[in-house]
């Protein structure tokens, strides 16, 4: 994560950090400007897993609508290529979801 944070601007890469047990894995990484959300302690609150999945699904739908309205871009990569080539578009960072204790998911 640190290597990605050093080599990628927060305008092009964001993190969602998910830890099922305690959150110690991501200590201080929530301070990175790339970090959009930190979701922890899901082990004892399984209903929050459904909320997390719903939130990620909602973000995917929001991004699809944004791509469509912005010029019917096929994906985030095409959108960002157009933006960096000078199209008047707001940044749309890639969203990397990182899960500690993936087997719990």
Protein backbone atom coordinates (compact mmCIF):
# COMPACT_ATOMS: atom_id res chain seq x y z
CA UNK A 1 0.00 0.00 0.00
CA UNK A 2 2.76 2.41 0.85
CA UNK A 3 4.47 1.78 -2.49
CA UNK A 4 1.18 2.49 -4.27
CA UNK A 5 0.64 5.63 -2.20
CA UNK A 6 4.13 6.90 -3.00
CA UNK A 7 3.81 6.24 -6.73
CA UNK A 8 0.16 7.24 -7.27
CA UNK A 9 -1.55 10.55 -6.57
CA UNK A 10 -4.75 10.37 -4.47
CA UNK A 11 -6.54 11.90 -7.46
CA UNK A 12 -5.99 8.65 -9.35
CA UNK A 13 -6.01 6.01 -6.55
CA UNK A 14 -8.09 5.63 -3.37
CA UNK A 15 -8.15 2.85 -0.79
CA UNK A 16 -10.99 1.27 1.18
CA UNK A 17 -9.43 -0.65 4.06
CA UNK A 18 -11.42 -3.51 5.57
CA UNK A 19 -10.31 -5.48 8.62
CA UNK A 20 -12.59 -8.09 10.16
CA UNK A 21 -10.71 -8.28 13.45
CA UNK A 22 -9.81 -5.15 15.34
CA UNK A 23 -8.30 -2.91 12.70
CA UNK A 24 -4.69 -3.11 13.90
CA UNK A 25 -3.49 -4.13 10.44
CA UNK A 26 -4.19 -0.69 9.03
CA UNK A 27 -2.92 1.37 11.97
CA UNK A 28 -1.93 4.82 10.72
CA UNK A 29 -2.67 3.93 7.08
CA UNK A 30 -5.99 5.73 7.52
CA UNK A 31 -3.94 8.93 7.58
CA UNK A 32 -2.93 8.50 3.94
CA UNK A 33 -4.75 10.96 1.68
CA UNK A 34 -5.57 7.95 -0.50
CA UNK A 35 -7.73 6.32 2.18
CA UNK A 36 -11.44 6.86 1.56
CA UNK A 37 -12.74 4.56 4.29
CA UNK A 38 -11.62 2.20 7.03
CA UNK A 39 -14.06 -0.53 7.99
CA UNK A 40 -13.13 -2.58 11.07
CA UNK A 41 -14.49 -5.00 13.66
CA UNK A 42 -16.81 -6.76 11.26
CA UNK A 43 -16.30 -10.15 12.90
CA UNK A 44 -18.85 -9.48 15.64
CA UNK A 45 -21.22 -7.34 13.54
CA UNK A 46 -22.01 -9.37 10.46
CA UNK A 47 -24.82 -7.03 9.42
CA UNK A 48 -22.11 -4.46 8.73
CA UNK A 49 -20.66 -6.78 6.07
CA UNK A 50 -23.92 -6.50 4.15
CA UNK A 51 -23.82 -2.72 4.54
CA UNK A 52 -20.23 -2.66 3.30
CA UNK A 53 -21.14 -4.74 0.24
CA UNK A 54 -24.17 -2.51 -0.40
CA UNK A 55 -21.97 0.59 -0.14
CA UNK A 56 -19.44 -0.80 -2.61
CA UNK A 57 -22.25 -1.79 -4.97
CA UNK A 58 -23.69 1.71 -4.66
CA UNK A 59 -20.32 3.23 -5.46
CA UNK A 60 -20.03 1.05 -8.56
CA UNK A 61 -23.46 2.20 -9.73
CA UNK A 62 -22.58 5.85 -9.02
CA UNK A 63 -19.40 5.51 -11.05
CA UNK A 64 -21.20 3.83 -13.96
CA UNK A 65 -23.71 6.68 -14.06
CA UNK A 66 -20.93 9.26 -13.87
CA UNK A 67 -19.10 7.58 -16.78
CA UNK A 68 -22.28 7.54 -18.82
CA UNK A 69 -23.13 11.19 -18.17
CA UNK A 70 -19.55 12.37 -18.74
CA UNK A 71 -19.46 11.03 -22.29
CA UNK A 72 -20.41 7.39 -22.17
CA UNK A 73 -16.92 6.23 -21.23
CA UNK A 74 -16.53 2.45 -21.16
CA UNK A 75 -14.54 2.48 -17.92
CA UNK A 76 -12.58 4.55 -15.42
CA UNK A 77 -9.36 4.11 -17.38
CA UNK A 78 -10.84 5.66 -20.54
CA UNK A 79 -12.31 8.48 -18.44
CA UNK A 80 -8.93 9.22 -16.84
CA UNK A 81 -7.15 9.10 -20.21
CA UNK A 82 -9.58 11.70 -21.53
CA UNK A 83 -9.15 13.82 -18.38
CA UNK A 84 -5.36 13.77 -18.55
CA UNK A 85 -5.56 14.62 -22.27
CA UNK A 86 -7.39 17.82 -21.36
CA UNK A 87 -11.08 16.94 -21.21
CA UNK A 88 -12.80 19.10 -18.55
CA UNK A 89 -13.53 16.23 -16.17
CA UNK A 90 -13.17 15.89 -12.41
CA UNK A 91 -10.73 13.23 -11.19
CA UNK A 92 -12.20 9.76 -10.77
CA UNK A 93 -9.66 7.74 -8.80
CA UNK A 94 -9.45 3.99 -9.06
CA UNK A 95 -10.83 2.42 -5.90
CA UNK A 96 -8.76 -0.38 -4.38
CA UNK A 97 -10.60 -2.40 -1.70
CA UNK A 98 -8.10 -4.09 0.62
CA UNK A 99 -9.40 -6.82 2.93
CA UNK A 100 -7.48 -8.22 5.89
CA UNK A 101 -8.81 -11.58 7.05
CA UNK A 102 -10.26 -12.23 3.58
CA UNK A 103 -11.29 -15.73 4.62
CA UNK A 104 -13.74 -14.10 7.05
CA UNK A 105 -15.43 -12.35 4.15
